[in-house]
Amino acid sequence: QKPDGINLQERVVTVSGEPEQNRKAVELIIQKIQEDPQSGSCLNISYANVTGPVANSNPTGSPYANTAEVLPTAAAAAGL
């Protein structure tokens, strides 16, 4: 589901579940990427001049990052 007012330049996929389910999901995602004839056209992308949100595996500062209110236990453990 897309949040109102935020547009990312890329697609973001979150995979969660049991290890075997995750493995199968990743296999399907990779298969779709391999089937896309344009998937190899942008192997080296720089985000240096991008303004706005960027898909990131470390979501600190991301509009999709969980806040301390959402994850109080994790935030407390991290000293936040």
PDB file of N, CA and C in Angstrom:
ATOM      1  N   GLN A   1       0.833  -1.170   0.000  1.00  0.00           N
ATOM      2  CA  GLN A   1       0.000   0.000   0.000  1.00  0.00           C
ATOM      3  C   GLN A   1       0.880   1.237   0.000  1.00  0.00           C
ATOM      4  N   LYS A   2       0.546   2.193  -0.826  1.00  0.00           N
ATOM      5  CA  LYS A   2       1.344   3.405  -0.941  1.00  0.00           C
ATOM      6  C   LYS A   2       0.856   4.461   0.046  1.00  0.00           C
ATOM      7  N   PRO A   3       1.784   5.080   0.767  1.00  0.00           N
ATOM      8  CA  PRO A   3       1.383   6.180   1.637  1.00  0.00           C
ATOM      9  C   PRO A   3       1.076   7.420   0.801  1.00  0.00           C
ATOM     10  N   ASP A   4       0.195   8.272   1.295  1.00  0.00           N
ATOM     11  CA  ASP A   4      -0.144   9.499   0.581  1.00  0.00           C
ATOM     12  C   ASP A   4       1.038  10.452   0.570  1.00  0.00           C
ATOM     13  N   GLY A   5       1.319  11.032  -0.579  1.00  0.00           N
ATOM     14  CA  GLY A   5       2.298  12.089  -0.679  1.00  0.00           C
ATOM     15  C   GLY A   5       3.749  11.662  -0.772  1.00  0.00           C
ATOM     16  N   ILE A   6       4.068  10.390  -0.702  1.00  0.00           N
ATOM     17  CA  ILE A   6       5.456   9.961  -0.782  1.00  0.00           C
ATOM     18  C   ILE A   6       5.613   9.065  -2.002  1.00  0.00           C
ATOM     19  N   ASN A   7       6.558   9.408  -2.847  1.00  0.00           N
ATOM     20  CA  ASN A   7       6.833   8.607  -4.034  1.00  0.00           C
ATOM     21  C   ASN A   7       8.295   8.206  -4.037  1.00  0.00           C
ATOM     22  N   LEU A   8       8.562   6.919  -4.001  1.00  0.00           N
ATOM     23  CA  LEU A   8       9.932   6.432  -4.081  1.00  0.00           C
ATOM     24  C   LEU A   8      10.307   6.233  -5.535  1.00  0.00           C
ATOM     25  N   GLN A   9      11.603   6.346  -5.829  1.00  0.00           N
ATOM     26  CA  GLN A   9      12.086   6.184  -7.188  1.00  0.00           C
ATOM     27  C   GLN A   9      12.210   4.710  -7.561  1.00  0.00           C
ATOM     28  N   GLU A  10      12.109   3.827  -6.589  1.00  0.00           N
ATOM     29  CA  GLU A  10      12.258   2.395  -6.826  1.00  0.00           C
ATOM     30  C   GLU A  10      11.138   1.641  -6.134  1.00  0.00           C
ATOM     31  N   ARG A  11      11.066   0.373  -6.420  1.00  0.00           N
ATOM     32  CA  ARG A  11      10.128  -0.495  -5.719  1.00  0.00           C
ATOM     33  C   ARG A  11      10.794  -1.033  -4.469  1.00  0.00           C
ATOM     34  N   VAL A  12      10.025  -1.136  -3.420  1.00  0.00           N
ATOM     35  CA  VAL A  12      10.530  -1.663  -2.159  1.00  0.00           C
ATOM     36  C   VAL A  12       9.714  -2.900  -1.828  1.00  0.00           C
ATOM     37  N   VAL A  13      10.393  -3.986  -1.485  1.00  0.00           N
ATOM     38  CA  VAL A  13       9.723  -5.229  -1.134  1.00  0.00           C
ATOM     39  C   VAL A  13      10.162  -5.631   0.261  1.00  0.00           C
ATOM     40  N   THR A  14       9.200  -5.918   1.121  1.00  0.00           N
ATOM     41  CA  THR A  14       9.497  -6.428   2.454  1.00  0.00           C
ATOM     42  C   THR A  14       9.048  -7.875   2.497  1.00  0.00           C
ATOM     43  N   VAL A  15       9.946  -8.757   2.894  1.00  0.00           N
ATOM     44  CA  VAL A  15       9.643 -10.183   2.970  1.00  0.00           C
ATOM     45  C   VAL A  15       9.751 -10.604   4.425  1.00  0.00           C
ATOM     46  N   SER A  16       8.712 -11.244   4.938  1.00  0.00           N
ATOM     47  CA  SER A  16       8.773 -11.762   6.306  1.00  0.00           C
ATOM     48  C   SER A  16       8.020 -13.076   6.359  1.00  0.00           C
ATOM     49  N   GLY A  17       8.419 -13.912   7.285  1.00  0.00           N
ATOM     50  CA  GLY A  17       7.781 -15.212   7.437  1.00  0.00           C
ATOM     51  C   GLY A  17       8.778 -16.245   7.907  1.00  0.00           C
ATOM     52  N   GLU A  18       8.436 -17.486   7.715  1.00  0.00           N
ATOM     53  CA  GLU A  18       9.325 -18.580   8.083  1.00  0.00           C
ATOM     54  C   GLU A  18      10.485 -18.647   7.086  1.00  0.00           C
ATOM     55  N   PRO A  19      11.637 -19.175   7.495  1.00  0.00           N
ATOM     56  CA  PRO A  19      12.803 -19.210   6.603  1.00  0.00           C
ATOM     57  C   PRO A  19      12.524 -19.822   5.227  1.00  0.00           C
ATOM     58  N   GLU A  20      11.806 -20.906   5.175  1.00  0.00           N
ATOM     59  CA  GLU A  20      11.517 -21.543   3.884  1.00  0.00           C
ATOM     60  C   GLU A  20      10.610 -20.655   3.030  1.00  0.00           C
ATOM     61  N   GLN A  21       9.639 -20.000   3.661  1.00  0.00           N
ATOM     62  CA  GLN A  21       8.768 -19.074   2.936  1.00  0.00           C
ATOM     63  C   GLN A  21       9.571 -17.894   2.392  1.00  0.00           C
ATOM     64  N   ASN A  22      10.484 -17.378   3.208  1.00  0.00           N
ATOM     65  CA  ASN A  22      11.324 -16.256   2.772  1.00  0.00           C
ATOM     66  C   ASN A  22      12.199 -16.656   1.593  1.00  0.00           C
ATOM     67  N   ARG A  23      12.782 -17.849   1.658  1.00  0.00           N
ATOM     68  CA  ARG A  23      13.632 -18.331   0.569  1.00  0.00           C
ATOM     69  C   ARG A  23      12.836 -18.406  -0.729  1.00  0.00           C
ATOM     70  N   LYS A  24      11.643 -18.972  -0.666  1.00  0.00           N
ATOM     71  CA  LYS A  24      10.803 -19.104  -1.856  1.00  0.00           C
ATOM     72  C   LYS A  24      10.391 -17.731  -2.389  1.00  0.00           C
ATOM     73  N   ALA A  25      10.065 -16.813  -1.489  1.00  0.00           N
ATOM     74  CA  ALA A  25       9.688 -15.461  -1.907  1.00  0.00           C
ATOM     75  C   ALA A  25      10.844 -14.768  -2.617  1.00  0.00           C
ATOM     76  N   VAL A  26      12.050 -14.893  -2.063  1.00  0.00           N
ATOM     77  CA  VAL A  26      13.223 -14.276  -2.687  1.00  0.00           C
ATOM     78  C   VAL A  26      13.492 -14.907  -4.050  1.00  0.00           C
ATOM     79  N   GLU A  27      13.331 -16.216  -4.164  1.00  0.00           N
ATOM     80  CA  GLU A  27      13.507 -16.885  -5.460  1.00  0.00           C
ATOM     81  C   GLU A  27      12.535 -16.324  -6.498  1.00  0.00           C
ATOM     82  N   LEU A  28      11.280 -16.122  -6.104  1.00  0.00           N
ATOM     83  CA  LEU A  28      10.280 -15.585  -7.030  1.00  0.00           C
ATOM     84  C   LEU A  28      10.606 -14.143  -7.426  1.00  0.00           C
ATOM     85  N   ILE A  29      11.072 -13.350  -6.460  1.00  0.00           N
ATOM     86  CA  ILE A  29      11.442 -11.965  -6.752  1.00  0.00           C
ATOM     87  C   ILE A  29      12.610 -11.930  -7.732  1.00  0.00           C
ATOM     88  N   ILE A  30      13.627 -12.747  -7.476  1.00  0.00           N
ATOM     89  CA  ILE A  30      14.792 -12.792  -8.365  1.00  0.00           C
ATOM     90  C   ILE A  30      14.390 -13.269  -9.756  1.00  0.00           C
ATOM     91  N   GLN A  31      13.494 -14.242  -9.822  1.00  0.00           N
ATOM     92  CA  GLN A  31      13.017 -14.733 -11.115  1.00  0.00           C
ATOM     93  C   GLN A  31      12.353 -13.601 -11.903  1.00  0.00           C
ATOM     94  N   LYS A  32      11.532 -12.805 -11.240  1.00  0.00           N
ATOM     95  CA  LYS A  32      10.869 -11.682 -11.911  1.00  0.00           C
ATOM     96  C   LYS A  32      11.879 -10.652 -12.408  1.00  0.00           C
ATOM     97  N   ILE A  33      12.911 -10.390 -11.601  1.00  0.00           N
ATOM     98  CA  ILE A  33      13.954  -9.451 -12.019  1.00  0.00           C
ATOM     99  C   ILE A  33      14.680  -9.992 -13.242  1.00  0.00           C
ATOM    100  N   GLN A  34      15.000 -11.291 -13.235  1.00  0.00           N
ATOM    101  CA  GLN A  34      15.701 -11.903 -14.364  1.00  0.00           C
ATOM    102  C   GLN A  34      14.859 -11.885 -15.633  1.00  0.00           C
ATOM    103  N   GLU A  35      13.540 -11.972 -15.499  1.00  0.00           N
ATOM    104  CA  GLU A  35      12.646 -11.960 -16.656  1.00  0.00           C
ATOM    105  C   GLU A  35      12.503 -10.566 -17.262  1.00  0.00           C
ATOM    106  N   ASP A  36      12.825  -9.532 -16.504  1.00  0.00           N
ATOM    107  CA  ASP A  36      12.669  -8.156 -16.963  1.00  0.00           C
ATOM    108  C   ASP A  36      13.834  -7.779 -17.877  1.00  0.00           C
ATOM    109  N   PRO A  37      13.573  -7.495 -19.157  1.00  0.00           N
ATOM    110  CA  PRO A  37      14.669  -7.182 -20.081  1.00  0.00           C
ATOM    111  C   PRO A  37      15.414  -5.895 -19.721  1.00  0.00           C
ATOM    112  N   GLN A  38      14.836  -5.040 -18.908  1.00  0.00           N
ATOM    113  CA  GLN A  38      15.486  -3.789 -18.528  1.00  0.00           C
ATOM    114  C   GLN A  38      16.205  -3.871 -17.185  1.00  0.00           C
ATOM    115  N   SER A  39      16.170  -5.018 -16.539  1.00  0.00           N
ATOM    116  CA  SER A  39      16.735  -5.115 -15.188  1.00  0.00           C
ATOM    117  C   SER A  39      18.238  -4.884 -15.143  1.00  0.00           C
ATOM    118  N   GLY A  40      18.943  -5.129 -16.217  1.00  0.00           N
ATOM    119  CA  GLY A  40      20.387  -4.930 -16.231  1.00  0.00           C
ATOM    120  C   GLY A  40      20.816  -3.577 -16.759  1.00  0.00           C
ATOM    121  N   SER A  41      19.857  -2.697 -17.019  1.00  0.00           N
ATOM    122  CA  SER A  41      20.197  -1.417 -17.642  1.00  0.00           C
ATOM    123  C   SER A  41      20.755  -0.384 -16.668  1.00  0.00           C
ATOM    124  N   CYS A  42      20.565  -0.573 -15.381  1.00  0.00           N
ATOM    125  CA  CYS A  42      21.022   0.419 -14.389  1.00  0.00           C
ATOM    126  C   CYS A  42      21.767  -0.287 -13.262  1.00  0.00           C
ATOM    127  N   LEU A  43      22.935  -0.817 -13.569  1.00  0.00           N
ATOM    128  CA  LEU A  43      23.675  -1.586 -12.569  1.00  0.00           C
ATOM    129  C   LEU A  43      24.350  -0.716 -11.522  1.00  0.00           C
ATOM    130  N   ASN A  44      24.729   0.489 -11.881  1.00  0.00           N
ATOM    131  CA  ASN A  44      25.417   1.393 -10.959  1.00  0.00           C
ATOM    132  C   ASN A  44      24.615   2.679 -10.833  1.00  0.00           C
ATOM    133  N   ILE A  45      23.827   2.767  -9.781  1.00  0.00           N
ATOM    134  CA  ILE A  45      22.968   3.926  -9.582  1.00  0.00           C
ATOM    135  C   ILE A  45      23.515   4.751  -8.426  1.00  0.00           C
ATOM    136  N   SER A  46      23.636   6.049  -8.635  1.00  0.00           N
ATOM    137  CA  SER A  46      24.056   6.959  -7.577  1.00  0.00           C
ATOM    138  C   SER A  46      22.837   7.721  -7.075  1.00  0.00           C
ATOM    139  N   TYR A  47      22.719   7.824  -5.766  1.00  0.00           N
ATOM    140  CA  TYR A  47      21.632   8.577  -5.154  1.00  0.00           C
ATOM    141  C   TYR A  47      22.120   9.924  -4.633  1.00  0.00           C
ATOM    142  N   ALA A  48      23.310  10.338  -5.045  1.00  0.00           N
ATOM    143  CA  ALA A  48      23.908  11.568  -4.523  1.00  0.00           C
ATOM    144  C   ALA A  48      23.036  12.795  -4.791  1.00  0.00           C
ATOM    145  N   ASN A  49      22.378  12.852  -5.923  1.00  0.00           N
ATOM    146  CA  ASN A  49      21.592  14.039  -6.281  1.00  0.00           C
ATOM    147  C   ASN A  49      20.091  13.838  -6.130  1.00  0.00           C
ATOM    148  N   VAL A  50      19.674  12.759  -5.485  1.00  0.00           N
ATOM    149  CA  VAL A  50      18.255  12.480  -5.308  1.00  0.00           C
ATOM    150  C   VAL A  50      17.744  13.253  -4.105  1.00  0.00           C
ATOM    151  N   THR A  51      16.647  13.958  -4.292  1.00  0.00           N
ATOM    152  CA  THR A  51      16.000  14.620  -3.167  1.00  0.00           C
ATOM    153  C   THR A  51      14.752  13.835  -2.822  1.00  0.00           C
ATOM    154  N   GLY A  52      14.446  13.739  -1.558  1.00  0.00           N
ATOM    155  CA  GLY A  52      13.283  12.988  -1.116  1.00  0.00           C
ATOM    156  C   GLY A  52      13.672  11.614  -0.634  1.00  0.00           C
ATOM    157  N   PRO A  53      12.674  10.789  -0.301  1.00  0.00           N
ATOM    158  CA  PRO A  53      12.944   9.459   0.263  1.00  0.00           C
ATOM    159  C   PRO A  53      13.641   8.537  -0.732  1.00  0.00           C
ATOM    160  N   VAL A  54      14.523   7.707  -0.215  1.00  0.00           N
ATOM    161  CA  VAL A  54      15.232   6.715  -1.014  1.00  0.00           C
ATOM    162  C   VAL A  54      15.058   5.367  -0.336  1.00  0.00           C
ATOM    163  N   ALA A  55      14.766   4.326  -1.110  1.00  0.00           N
ATOM    164  CA  ALA A  55      14.668   2.978  -0.560  1.00  0.00           C
ATOM    165  C   ALA A  55      16.003   2.624   0.077  1.00  0.00           C
ATOM    166  N   ASN A  56      15.955   2.071   1.296  1.00  0.00           N
ATOM    167  CA  ASN A  56      17.187   1.858   2.040  1.00  0.00           C
ATOM    168  C   ASN A  56      17.013   0.663   2.957  1.00  0.00           C
ATOM    169  N   SER A  57      18.002  -0.216   2.990  1.00  0.00           N
ATOM    170  CA  SER A  57      17.926  -1.374   3.881  1.00  0.00           C
ATOM    171  C   SER A  57      18.106  -0.975   5.336  1.00  0.00           C
ATOM    172  N   ASN A  58      18.637   0.209   5.591  1.00  0.00           N
ATOM    173  CA  ASN A  58      18.760   0.749   6.941  1.00  0.00           C
ATOM    174  C   ASN A  58      17.822   1.946   7.020  1.00  0.00           C
ATOM    175  N   PRO A  59      16.569   1.738   7.462  1.00  0.00           N
ATOM    176  CA  PRO A  59      15.547   2.759   7.287  1.00  0.00           C
ATOM    177  C   PRO A  59      15.589   3.935   8.258  1.00  0.00           C
ATOM    178  N   THR A  60      16.730   4.216   8.877  1.00  0.00           N
ATOM    179  CA  THR A  60      16.805   5.356   9.776  1.00  0.00           C
ATOM    180  C   THR A  60      16.488   6.624   9.000  1.00  0.00           C
ATOM    181  N   GLY A  61      15.505   7.345   9.453  1.00  0.00           N
ATOM    182  CA  GLY A  61      15.111   8.560   8.759  1.00  0.00           C
ATOM    183  C   GLY A  61      14.127   8.326   7.630  1.00  0.00           C
ATOM    184  N   SER A  62      13.847   7.088   7.310  1.00  0.00           N
ATOM    185  CA  SER A  62      12.902   6.763   6.254  1.00  0.00           C
ATOM    186  C   SER A  62      11.481   7.019   6.733  1.00  0.00           C
ATOM    187  N   PRO A  63      10.586   7.436   5.842  1.00  0.00           N
ATOM    188  CA  PRO A  63       9.187   7.583   6.243  1.00  0.00           C
ATOM    189  C   PRO A  63       8.548   6.245   6.581  1.00  0.00           C
ATOM    190  N   TYR A  64       9.239   5.150   6.252  1.00  0.00           N
ATOM    191  CA  TYR A  64       8.718   3.823   6.545  1.00  0.00           C
ATOM    192  C   TYR A  64       9.326   3.234   7.809  1.00  0.00           C
ATOM    193  N   ALA A  65      10.250   3.936   8.435  1.00  0.00           N
ATOM    194  CA  ALA A  65      10.909   3.424   9.637  1.00  0.00           C
ATOM    195  C   ALA A  65       9.911   3.362  10.786  1.00  0.00           C
ATOM    196  N   ASN A  66      10.045   2.334  11.609  1.00  0.00           N
ATOM    197  CA  ASN A  66       9.208   2.229  12.796  1.00  0.00           C
ATOM    198  C   ASN A  66       9.702   3.214  13.842  1.00  0.00           C
ATOM    199  N   THR A  67       8.775   3.832  14.530  1.00  0.00           N
ATOM    200  CA  THR A  67       9.140   4.792  15.561  1.00  0.00           C
ATOM    201  C   THR A  67       9.244   4.097  16.907  1.00  0.00           C
ATOM    202  N   ALA A  68       9.746   4.804  17.896  1.00  0.00           N
ATOM    203  CA  ALA A  68       9.870   4.248  19.243  1.00  0.00           C
ATOM    204  C   ALA A  68       8.503   3.871  19.800  1.00  0.00           C
ATOM    205  N   GLU A  69       7.439   4.587  19.380  1.00  0.00           N
ATOM    206  CA  GLU A  69       6.094   4.258  19.866  1.00  0.00           C
ATOM    207  C   GLU A  69       5.625   2.908  19.328  1.00  0.00           C
ATOM    208  N   VAL A  70       6.072   2.561  18.129  1.00  0.00           N
ATOM    209  CA  VAL A  70       5.661   1.306  17.510  1.00  0.00           C
ATOM    210  C   VAL A  70       6.447   0.141  18.083  1.00  0.00           C
ATOM    211  N   LEU A  71       7.731   0.351  18.314  1.00  0.00           N
ATOM    212  CA  LEU A  71       8.594  -0.707  18.824  1.00  0.00           C
ATOM    213  C   LEU A  71       9.233  -0.288  20.147  1.00  0.00           C
ATOM    214  N   PRO A  72       8.451  -0.152  21.209  1.00  0.00           N
ATOM    215  CA  PRO A  72       9.025   0.344  22.466  1.00  0.00           C
ATOM    216  C   PRO A  72      10.101  -0.571  23.032  1.00  0.00           C
ATOM    217  N   THR A  73       9.965  -1.882  22.901  1.00  0.00           N
ATOM    218  CA  THR A  73      10.962  -2.802  23.445  1.00  0.00           C
ATOM    219  C   THR A  73      12.281  -2.669  22.703  1.00  0.00           C
ATOM    220  N   ALA A  74      12.225  -2.624  21.384  1.00  0.00           N
ATOM    221  CA  ALA A  74      13.444  -2.476  20.593  1.00  0.00           C
ATOM    222  C   ALA A  74      14.087  -1.121  20.849  1.00  0.00           C
ATOM    223  N   ALA A  75      13.268  -0.089  20.970  1.00  0.00           N
ATOM    224  CA  ALA A  75      13.800   1.246  21.221  1.00  0.00           C
ATOM    225  C   ALA A  75      14.474   1.309  22.585  1.00  0.00           C
ATOM    226  N   ALA A  76      13.867   0.679  23.594  1.00  0.00           N
ATOM    227  CA  ALA A  76      14.462   0.669  24.931  1.00  0.00           C
ATOM    228  C   ALA A  76      15.780  -0.094  24.926  1.00  0.00           C
ATOM    229  N   ALA A  77      15.814  -1.207  24.218  1.00  0.00           N
ATOM    230  CA  ALA A  77      17.039  -2.009  24.148  1.00  0.00           C
ATOM    231  C   ALA A  77      18.155  -1.251  23.443  1.00  0.00           C
ATOM    232  N   ALA A  78      17.777  -0.391  22.502  1.00  0.00           N
ATOM    233  CA  ALA A  78      18.769   0.380  21.764  1.00  0.00           C
ATOM    234  C   ALA A  78      19.156   1.662  22.494  1.00  0.00           C
ATOM    235  N   GLY A  79      18.511   1.910  23.632  1.00  0.00           N
ATOM    236  CA  GLY A  79      18.812   3.112  24.399  1.00  0.00           C
ATOM    237  C   GLY A  79      18.173   4.361  23.838  1.00  0.00           C
ATOM    238  N   LEU A  80      17.072   4.206  23.096  1.00  0.00           N
ATOM    239  CA  LEU A  80      16.401   5.367  22.493  1.00  0.00           C
ATOM    240  C   LEU A  80      15.314   5.898  23.386  1.00  0.00           C
TER     241      LEU A  80
END
